[in-house]
Amino acid sequence: MIEKPASKAQAITSEVRRRIVDREWRQGDRIPDEAELAVEFGVARATVNKALQLLAEEGLLDRKRRAGTHVTVNPARKTTLTIPIVREQVEGAGMEYSHRVVAQKLSPLPADIAARMALTEGAALIHLRTVHYGDSRPFQVEDRWINPEAAPGAELIDFQRINANEWLVRNFPWLRNDMAFSAENANARDARLLETRQGAALLVLQRTTFNDLGAITSVRLAFHPGYQMLATP
């Protein structure tokens, strides 16, 4: 059973994510169907459908009619047709969305991010750290670099008013993206911002998008490990 979750769909999403990260369900595995999961979690089938669709949008699940739902094979190279808007994900899960910009400054680009973005190390880019919330509880943390040359006007935007994810998706269509999923233990900053314990297992997504002007943005997304799940007595 799910113990008083802010959103049943989001709680299921978090638990399915955990099973994939912990390799209880491995790449290529077919997961239980919606009816089975609805019984397991004690919810309506439509709620399960909503949860699995969120994970399909993230690239973790591959859903095909009649073939069922499988854990994506080689998700590190999967490119989805759209980049989800986190506000819509949170609101779609039945929660009230909010966000907080923890830090924003023009900073020199470190070597690893420069390599991902095919830019010169030390170039001055906008560096943002943002926490996204669902019903005032941390949903995900993003550490983002924005290239003003490929996203003109970014330096003028109030990202406290509109989050960078939504502004970029709506204003700068991308031609290609590089994406990689990994499982990481929460460092001290992740733990503090996600309000979890240091060392907790996190699903992390690293994504870099490009248009005809070059790299638009590179972002690291760390997802909350999930709401408390209790075994059925």
C-alpha atoms as a PDB file:
ATOM      1  CA  MET A   1       0.000   0.000   0.000  1.00  0.00           C
ATOM      2  CA  ILE A   2       1.045   3.613  -0.501  1.00  0.00           C
ATOM      3  CA  GLU A   3       1.175   5.612   2.724  1.00  0.00           C
ATOM      4  CA  LYS A   4      -0.746   8.861   2.207  1.00  0.00           C
ATOM      5  CA  PRO A   5       1.137  10.010  -0.923  1.00  0.00           C
ATOM      6  CA  ALA A   6       0.753  13.560  -2.196  1.00  0.00           C
ATOM      7  CA  SER A   7      -0.042  11.876  -5.493  1.00  0.00           C
ATOM      8  CA  LYS A   8      -0.679   8.170  -6.016  1.00  0.00           C
ATOM      9  CA  ALA A   9       0.523   8.387  -9.624  1.00  0.00           C
ATOM     10  CA  GLN A  10       3.768  10.068  -8.593  1.00  0.00           C
ATOM     11  CA  ALA A  11       4.335   7.558  -5.811  1.00  0.00           C
ATOM     12  CA  ILE A  12       3.955   4.706  -8.314  1.00  0.00           C
ATOM     13  CA  THR A  13       6.294   6.496 -10.715  1.00  0.00           C
ATOM     14  CA  SER A  14       8.904   6.785  -7.965  1.00  0.00           C
ATOM     15  CA  GLU A  15       8.598   3.103  -7.000  1.00  0.00           C
ATOM     16  CA  VAL A  16       8.847   1.869 -10.598  1.00  0.00           C
ATOM     17  CA  ARG A  17      11.851   4.137 -11.097  1.00  0.00           C
ATOM     18  CA  ARG A  18      13.455   2.629  -7.992  1.00  0.00           C
ATOM     19  CA  ARG A  19      12.934  -0.915  -9.252  1.00  0.00           C
ATOM     20  CA  ILE A  20      14.640   0.007 -12.534  1.00  0.00           C
ATOM     21  CA  VAL A  21      17.529   1.816 -10.810  1.00  0.00           C
ATOM     22  CA  ASP A  22      18.015  -1.104  -8.381  1.00  0.00           C
ATOM     23  CA  ARG A  23      17.826  -3.548 -11.334  1.00  0.00           C
ATOM     24  CA  GLU A  24      14.901  -5.442  -9.944  1.00  0.00           C
ATOM     25  CA  TRP A  25      13.566  -4.869 -13.461  1.00  0.00           C
ATOM     26  CA  ARG A  26      16.385  -4.969 -16.004  1.00  0.00           C
ATOM     27  CA  GLN A  27      16.742  -3.532 -19.492  1.00  0.00           C
ATOM     28  CA  GLY A  28      14.416  -5.321 -21.892  1.00  0.00           C
ATOM     29  CA  ASP A  29      12.284  -6.880 -19.119  1.00  0.00           C
ATOM     30  CA  ARG A  30       8.547  -6.759 -19.590  1.00  0.00           C
ATOM     31  CA  ILE A  31       7.016  -5.279 -16.454  1.00  0.00           C
ATOM     32  CA  PRO A  32       3.656  -6.355 -14.961  1.00  0.00           C
ATOM     33  CA  ASP A  33       0.655  -5.059 -16.869  1.00  0.00           C
ATOM     34  CA  GLU A  34      -1.474  -2.154 -15.688  1.00  0.00           C
ATOM     35  CA  ALA A  35      -4.130  -4.381 -14.139  1.00  0.00           C
ATOM     36  CA  GLU A  36      -1.553  -6.244 -12.028  1.00  0.00           C
ATOM     37  CA  LEU A  37       0.085  -3.025 -10.860  1.00  0.00           C
ATOM     38  CA  ALA A  38      -3.305  -1.505 -10.048  1.00  0.00           C
ATOM     39  CA  VAL A  39      -4.006  -4.434  -7.721  1.00  0.00           C
ATOM     40  CA  GLU A  40      -0.515  -4.248  -6.164  1.00  0.00           C
ATOM     41  CA  PHE A  41      -0.757  -0.533  -5.393  1.00  0.00           C
ATOM     42  CA  GLY A  42      -4.470  -0.484  -4.622  1.00  0.00           C
ATOM     43  CA  VAL A  43      -5.319   2.174  -7.205  1.00  0.00           C
ATOM     44  CA  ALA A  44      -7.358   2.557 -10.377  1.00  0.00           C
ATOM     45  CA  ARG A  45      -5.844   1.329 -13.638  1.00  0.00           C
ATOM     46  CA  ALA A  46      -5.968   4.891 -14.998  1.00  0.00           C
ATOM     47  CA  THR A  47      -3.646   5.993 -12.185  1.00  0.00           C
ATOM     48  CA  VAL A  48      -1.118   3.315 -13.158  1.00  0.00           C
ATOM     49  CA  ASN A  49      -1.387   4.372 -16.803  1.00  0.00           C
ATOM     50  CA  LYS A  50      -0.585   7.964 -15.865  1.00  0.00           C
ATOM     51  CA  ALA A  51       2.450   6.874 -13.819  1.00  0.00           C
ATOM     52  CA  LEU A  52       3.864   4.653 -16.570  1.00  0.00           C
ATOM     53  CA  GLN A  53       3.336   7.359 -19.172  1.00  0.00           C
ATOM     54  CA  LEU A  54       5.495   9.756 -17.125  1.00  0.00           C
ATOM     55  CA  LEU A  55       8.309   7.185 -17.156  1.00  0.00           C
ATOM     56  CA  ALA A  56       7.870   6.604 -20.883  1.00  0.00           C
ATOM     57  CA  GLU A  57       8.296  10.352 -21.426  1.00  0.00           C
ATOM     58  CA  GLU A  58      11.510  10.226 -19.391  1.00  0.00           C
ATOM     59  CA  GLY A  59      12.765   7.431 -21.653  1.00  0.00           C
ATOM     60  CA  LEU A  60      12.860   4.681 -19.021  1.00  0.00           C
ATOM     61  CA  LEU A  61       9.953   2.620 -20.387  1.00  0.00           C
ATOM     62  CA  ASP A  62       9.011   1.551 -23.894  1.00  0.00           C
ATOM     63  CA  ARG A  63       5.241   1.146 -24.295  1.00  0.00           C
ATOM     64  CA  LYS A  64       3.737  -0.562 -27.335  1.00  0.00           C
ATOM     65  CA  ARG A  65       0.182  -1.664 -27.935  1.00  0.00           C
ATOM     66  CA  ARG A  66      -0.194  -5.458 -27.584  1.00  0.00           C
ATOM     67  CA  ALA A  67       3.545  -5.887 -26.832  1.00  0.00           C
ATOM     68  CA  GLY A  68       3.187  -4.498 -23.319  1.00  0.00           C
ATOM     69  CA  THR A  69       5.554  -2.225 -21.403  1.00  0.00           C
ATOM     70  CA  HIS A  70       9.276  -2.977 -21.258  1.00  0.00           C
ATOM     71  CA  VAL A  71      12.232  -1.354 -19.528  1.00  0.00           C
ATOM     72  CA  THR A  72      14.042   0.580 -22.241  1.00  0.00           C
ATOM     73  CA  VAL A  73      17.083  -1.127 -23.716  1.00  0.00           C
ATOM     74  CA  ASN A  74      20.181   1.102 -23.612  1.00  0.00           C
ATOM     75  CA  PRO A  75      18.384   4.202 -22.233  1.00  0.00           C
ATOM     76  CA  ALA A  76      21.689   6.117 -22.261  1.00  0.00           C
ATOM     77  CA  ARG A  77      21.250   6.706 -25.992  1.00  0.00           C
ATOM     78  CA  LYS A  78      17.479   6.982 -26.193  1.00  0.00           C
ATOM     79  CA  THR A  79      16.210  10.192 -27.799  1.00  0.00           C
ATOM     80  CA  THR A  80      12.588  11.080 -27.197  1.00  0.00           C
ATOM     81  CA  LEU A  81      10.456  13.174 -29.541  1.00  0.00           C
ATOM     82  CA  THR A  82       9.834  15.800 -26.878  1.00  0.00           C
ATOM     83  CA  ILE A  83      11.548  17.007 -23.739  1.00  0.00           C
ATOM     84  CA  PRO A  84       8.968  17.000 -20.948  1.00  0.00           C
ATOM     85  CA  ILE A  85       8.062  20.219 -19.157  1.00  0.00           C
ATOM     86  CA  VAL A  86       8.504  19.425 -15.472  1.00  0.00           C
ATOM     87  CA  ARG A  87       5.617  21.693 -14.419  1.00  0.00           C
ATOM     88  CA  GLU A  88       3.261  19.672 -16.628  1.00  0.00           C
ATOM     89  CA  GLN A  89       4.642  16.400 -15.235  1.00  0.00           C
ATOM     90  CA  VAL A  90       3.995  17.522 -11.664  1.00  0.00           C
ATOM     91  CA  GLU A  91       0.546  18.933 -12.390  1.00  0.00           C
ATOM     92  CA  GLY A  92      -0.306  15.842 -14.452  1.00  0.00           C
ATOM     93  CA  ALA A  93       0.400  13.767 -11.360  1.00  0.00           C
ATOM     94  CA  GLY A  94      -2.208  15.795  -9.460  1.00  0.00           C
ATOM     95  CA  MET A  95       0.178  18.011  -7.475  1.00  0.00           C
ATOM     96  CA  GLU A  96       0.649  21.762  -7.205  1.00  0.00           C
ATOM     97  CA  TYR A  97       3.861  22.828  -8.917  1.00  0.00           C
ATOM     98  CA  SER A  98       6.431  25.343  -7.665  1.00  0.00           C
ATOM     99  CA  HIS A  99      10.147  25.891  -8.102  1.00  0.00           C
ATOM    100  CA  ARG A 100      13.014  27.689  -6.398  1.00  0.00           C
ATOM    101  CA  VAL A 101      16.224  28.981  -7.976  1.00  0.00           C
ATOM    102  CA  VAL A 102      18.972  28.143  -5.511  1.00  0.00           C
ATOM    103  CA  ALA A 103      21.790  29.835  -7.441  1.00  0.00           C
ATOM    104  CA  GLN A 104      22.197  31.736 -10.705  1.00  0.00           C
ATOM    105  CA  LYS A 105      25.368  33.313 -12.015  1.00  0.00           C
ATOM    106  CA  LEU A 106      27.606  33.701 -15.047  1.00  0.00           C
ATOM    107  CA  SER A 107      30.344  31.119 -14.522  1.00  0.00           C
ATOM    108  CA  PRO A 108      33.327  29.675 -16.423  1.00  0.00           C
ATOM    109  CA  LEU A 109      32.485  26.359 -18.065  1.00  0.00           C
ATOM    110  CA  PRO A 110      34.241  23.358 -16.444  1.00  0.00           C
ATOM    111  CA  ALA A 111      36.055  20.867 -18.654  1.00  0.00           C
ATOM    112  CA  ASP A 112      33.521  18.017 -18.427  1.00  0.00           C
ATOM    113  CA  ILE A 113      30.544  20.215 -19.320  1.00  0.00           C
ATOM    114  CA  ALA A 114      32.547  21.956 -22.057  1.00  0.00           C
ATOM    115  CA  ALA A 115      33.201  18.551 -23.618  1.00  0.00           C
ATOM    116  CA  ARG A 116      29.495  17.667 -23.538  1.00  0.00           C
ATOM    117  CA  MET A 117      28.522  20.987 -25.102  1.00  0.00           C
ATOM    118  CA  ALA A 118      31.416  21.093 -27.612  1.00  0.00           C
ATOM    119  CA  LEU A 119      32.404  24.514 -26.247  1.00  0.00           C
ATOM    120  CA  THR A 120      35.652  26.007 -24.988  1.00  0.00           C
ATOM    121  CA  GLU A 121      36.547  25.304 -21.376  1.00  0.00           C
ATOM    122  CA  GLY A 122      36.275  28.494 -19.353  1.00  0.00           C
ATOM    123  CA  ALA A 123      33.659  30.108 -21.612  1.00  0.00           C
ATOM    124  CA  ALA A 124      31.193  32.215 -19.604  1.00  0.00           C
ATOM    125  CA  LEU A 125      27.756  30.565 -19.458  1.00  0.00           C
ATOM    126  CA  ILE A 126      24.682  30.953 -17.269  1.00  0.00           C
ATOM    127  CA  HIS A 127      24.795  28.423 -14.415  1.00  0.00           C
ATOM    128  CA  LEU A 128      21.540  27.643 -12.597  1.00  0.00           C
ATOM    129  CA  ARG A 129      20.625  25.338  -9.751  1.00  0.00           C
ATOM    130  CA  THR A 130      16.874  24.836  -9.326  1.00  0.00           C
ATOM    131  CA  VAL A 131      14.621  22.677  -7.169  1.00  0.00           C
ATOM    132  CA  HIS A 132      11.225  21.666  -8.572  1.00  0.00           C
ATOM    133  CA  TYR A 133       8.459  20.828  -6.099  1.00  0.00           C
ATOM    134  CA  GLY A 134       5.171  18.929  -6.101  1.00  0.00           C
ATOM    135  CA  ASP A 135       2.892  19.991  -3.250  1.00  0.00           C
ATOM    136  CA  SER A 136       5.913  21.673  -1.618  1.00  0.00           C
ATOM    137  CA  ARG A 137       7.918  18.425  -1.616  1.00  0.00           C
ATOM    138  CA  PRO A 138      11.097  18.133  -3.734  1.00  0.00           C
ATOM    139  CA  PHE A 139      10.434  16.438  -7.071  1.00  0.00           C
ATOM    140  CA  GLN A 140      13.782  16.911  -8.803  1.00  0.00           C
ATOM    141  CA  VAL A 141      16.906  19.059  -8.664  1.00  0.00           C
ATOM    142  CA  GLU A 142      18.475  20.453 -11.814  1.00  0.00           C
ATOM    143  CA  ASP A 143      22.007  21.747 -12.303  1.00  0.00           C
ATOM    144  CA  ARG A 144      21.898  23.565 -15.635  1.00  0.00           C
ATOM    145  CA  TRP A 145      24.267  25.429 -17.951  1.00  0.00           C
ATOM    146  CA  ILE A 146      22.728  27.705 -20.614  1.00  0.00           C
ATOM    147  CA  ASN A 147      24.612  28.989 -23.661  1.00  0.00           C
ATOM    148  CA  PRO A 148      23.350  32.538 -24.477  1.00  0.00           C
ATOM    149  CA  GLU A 149      24.717  32.270 -28.015  1.00  0.00           C
ATOM    150  CA  ALA A 150      22.354  29.409 -28.803  1.00  0.00           C
ATOM    151  CA  ALA A 151      19.577  30.735 -26.528  1.00  0.00           C
ATOM    152  CA  PRO A 152      19.618  34.527 -27.109  1.00  0.00           C
ATOM    153  CA  GLY A 153      17.960  36.551 -24.365  1.00  0.00           C
ATOM    154  CA  ALA A 154      18.539  33.979 -21.643  1.00  0.00           C
ATOM    155  CA  GLU A 155      20.545  36.475 -19.621  1.00  0.00           C
ATOM    156  CA  LEU A 156      17.458  38.741 -19.421  1.00  0.00           C
ATOM    157  CA  ILE A 157      14.976  36.134 -18.178  1.00  0.00           C
ATOM    158  CA  ASP A 158      13.751  36.033 -14.590  1.00  0.00           C
ATOM    159  CA  PHE A 159      14.043  32.304 -13.921  1.00  0.00           C
ATOM    160  CA  GLN A 160      12.369  32.763 -10.549  1.00  0.00           C
ATOM    161  CA  ARG A 161       9.193  33.589 -12.489  1.00  0.00           C
ATOM    162  CA  ILE A 162       9.428  30.909 -15.191  1.00  0.00           C
ATOM    163  CA  ASN A 163      11.644  27.880 -14.798  1.00  0.00           C
ATOM    164  CA  ALA A 164      14.476  27.414 -17.298  1.00  0.00           C
ATOM    165  CA  ASN A 165      13.214  24.032 -18.480  1.00  0.00           C
ATOM    166  CA  GLU A 166       9.872  25.434 -19.631  1.00  0.00           C
ATOM    167  CA  TRP A 167      11.336  28.616 -21.120  1.00  0.00           C
ATOM    168  CA  LEU A 168      13.915  26.725 -23.174  1.00  0.00           C
ATOM    169  CA  VAL A 169      11.501  24.037 -24.413  1.00  0.00           C
ATOM    170  CA  ARG A 170       8.964  26.633 -25.523  1.00  0.00           C
ATOM    171  CA  ASN A 171      11.427  29.028 -27.168  1.00  0.00           C
ATOM    172  CA  PHE A 172      14.352  27.009 -28.568  1.00  0.00           C
ATOM    173  CA  PRO A 173      13.505  23.872 -30.581  1.00  0.00           C
ATOM    174  CA  TRP A 174      16.424  21.460 -30.613  1.00  0.00           C
ATOM    175  CA  LEU A 175      17.829  19.501 -33.544  1.00  0.00           C
ATOM    176  CA  ARG A 176      19.502  16.756 -31.517  1.00  0.00           C
ATOM    177  CA  ASN A 177      20.200  15.802 -27.924  1.00  0.00           C
ATOM    178  CA  ASP A 178      22.570  13.549 -26.024  1.00  0.00           C
ATOM    179  CA  MET A 179      21.063  11.836 -23.019  1.00  0.00           C
ATOM    180  CA  ALA A 180      22.387   9.440 -20.386  1.00  0.00           C
ATOM    181  CA  PHE A 181      20.740   7.856 -17.339  1.00  0.00           C
ATOM    182  CA  SER A 182      22.677   6.629 -14.329  1.00  0.00           C
ATOM    183  CA  ALA A 183      22.137   5.552 -10.729  1.00  0.00           C
ATOM    184  CA  GLU A 184      24.095   7.636  -8.225  1.00  0.00           C
ATOM    185  CA  ASN A 185      24.290   7.975  -4.462  1.00  0.00           C
ATOM    186  CA  ALA A 186      23.077  11.344  -3.223  1.00  0.00           C
ATOM    187  CA  ASN A 187      25.930  13.674  -2.370  1.00  0.00           C
ATOM    188  CA  ALA A 188      25.584  16.248   0.395  1.00  0.00           C
ATOM    189  CA  ARG A 189      24.061  18.885  -1.904  1.00  0.00           C
ATOM    190  CA  ASP A 190      21.586  16.459  -3.522  1.00  0.00           C
ATOM    191  CA  ALA A 191      20.543  15.192  -0.091  1.00  0.00           C
ATOM    192  CA  ARG A 192      19.977  18.696   1.252  1.00  0.00           C
ATOM    193  CA  LEU A 193      17.996  19.940  -1.749  1.00  0.00           C
ATOM    194  CA  LEU A 194      15.957  16.749  -2.191  1.00  0.00           C
ATOM    195  CA  GLU A 195      15.387  16.452   1.568  1.00  0.00           C
ATOM    196  CA  THR A 196      16.682  12.904   1.672  1.00  0.00           C
ATOM    197  CA  ARG A 197      19.630  11.160   3.294  1.00  0.00           C
ATOM    198  CA  GLN A 198      23.158  11.398   1.936  1.00  0.00           C
ATOM    199  CA  GLY A 199      23.996   8.219   0.038  1.00  0.00           C
ATOM    200  CA  ALA A 200      20.389   7.496  -0.983  1.00  0.00           C
ATOM    201  CA  ALA A 201      20.069   5.915  -4.452  1.00  0.00           C
ATOM    202  CA  LEU A 202      19.014   8.495  -7.038  1.00  0.00           C
ATOM    203  CA  LEU A 203      18.097   8.272 -10.685  1.00  0.00           C
ATOM    204  CA  VAL A 204      20.140  10.905 -12.530  1.00  0.00           C
ATOM    205  CA  LEU A 205      19.609  12.136 -16.083  1.00  0.00           C
ATOM    206  CA  GLN A 206      22.291  14.108 -17.945  1.00  0.00           C
ATOM    207  CA  ARG A 207      20.985  15.787 -21.121  1.00  0.00           C
ATOM    208  CA  THR A 208      22.541  18.211 -23.611  1.00  0.00           C
ATOM    209  CA  THR A 209      20.547  19.780 -26.446  1.00  0.00           C
ATOM    210  CA  PHE A 210      21.765  21.432 -29.635  1.00  0.00           C
ATOM    211  CA  ASN A 211      20.328  23.681 -32.350  1.00  0.00           C
ATOM    212  CA  ASP A 212      21.950  25.154 -35.462  1.00  0.00           C
ATOM    213  CA  LEU A 213      23.774  27.722 -33.285  1.00  0.00           C
ATOM    214  CA  GLY A 214      25.422  25.067 -31.110  1.00  0.00           C
ATOM    215  CA  ALA A 215      24.723  23.665 -27.665  1.00  0.00           C
ATOM    216  CA  ILE A 216      21.650  25.226 -26.068  1.00  0.00           C
ATOM    217  CA  THR A 217      21.900  23.783 -22.583  1.00  0.00           C
ATOM    218  CA  SER A 218      23.372  20.934 -20.565  1.00  0.00           C
ATOM    219  CA  VAL A 219      21.506  19.807 -17.474  1.00  0.00           C
ATOM    220  CA  ARG A 220      21.870  17.221 -14.734  1.00  0.00           C
ATOM    221  CA  LEU A 221      18.540  16.152 -13.234  1.00  0.00           C
ATOM    222  CA  ALA A 222      18.494  14.263  -9.932  1.00  0.00           C
ATOM    223  CA  PHE A 223      15.100  12.788  -9.049  1.00  0.00           C
ATOM    224  CA  HIS A 224      13.732  12.391  -5.544  1.00  0.00           C
ATOM    225  CA  PRO A 225      14.104   8.748  -4.459  1.00  0.00           C
ATOM    226  CA  GLY A 226      10.345   8.517  -3.944  1.00  0.00           C
ATOM    227  CA  TYR A 227       7.623   8.660  -1.340  1.00  0.00           C
ATOM    228  CA  GLN A 228       7.594   6.081   1.430  1.00  0.00           C
ATOM    229  CA  MET A 229       6.255   2.776   0.126  1.00  0.00           C
ATOM    230  CA  LEU A 230       4.932   0.199   2.592  1.00  0.00           C
ATOM    231  CA  ALA A 231       4.565  -3.498   1.920  1.00  0.00           C
ATOM    232  CA  THR A 232       1.043  -4.897   1.987  1.00  0.00           C
ATOM    233  CA  PRO A 233       0.415  -6.539   5.368  1.00  0.00           C
END
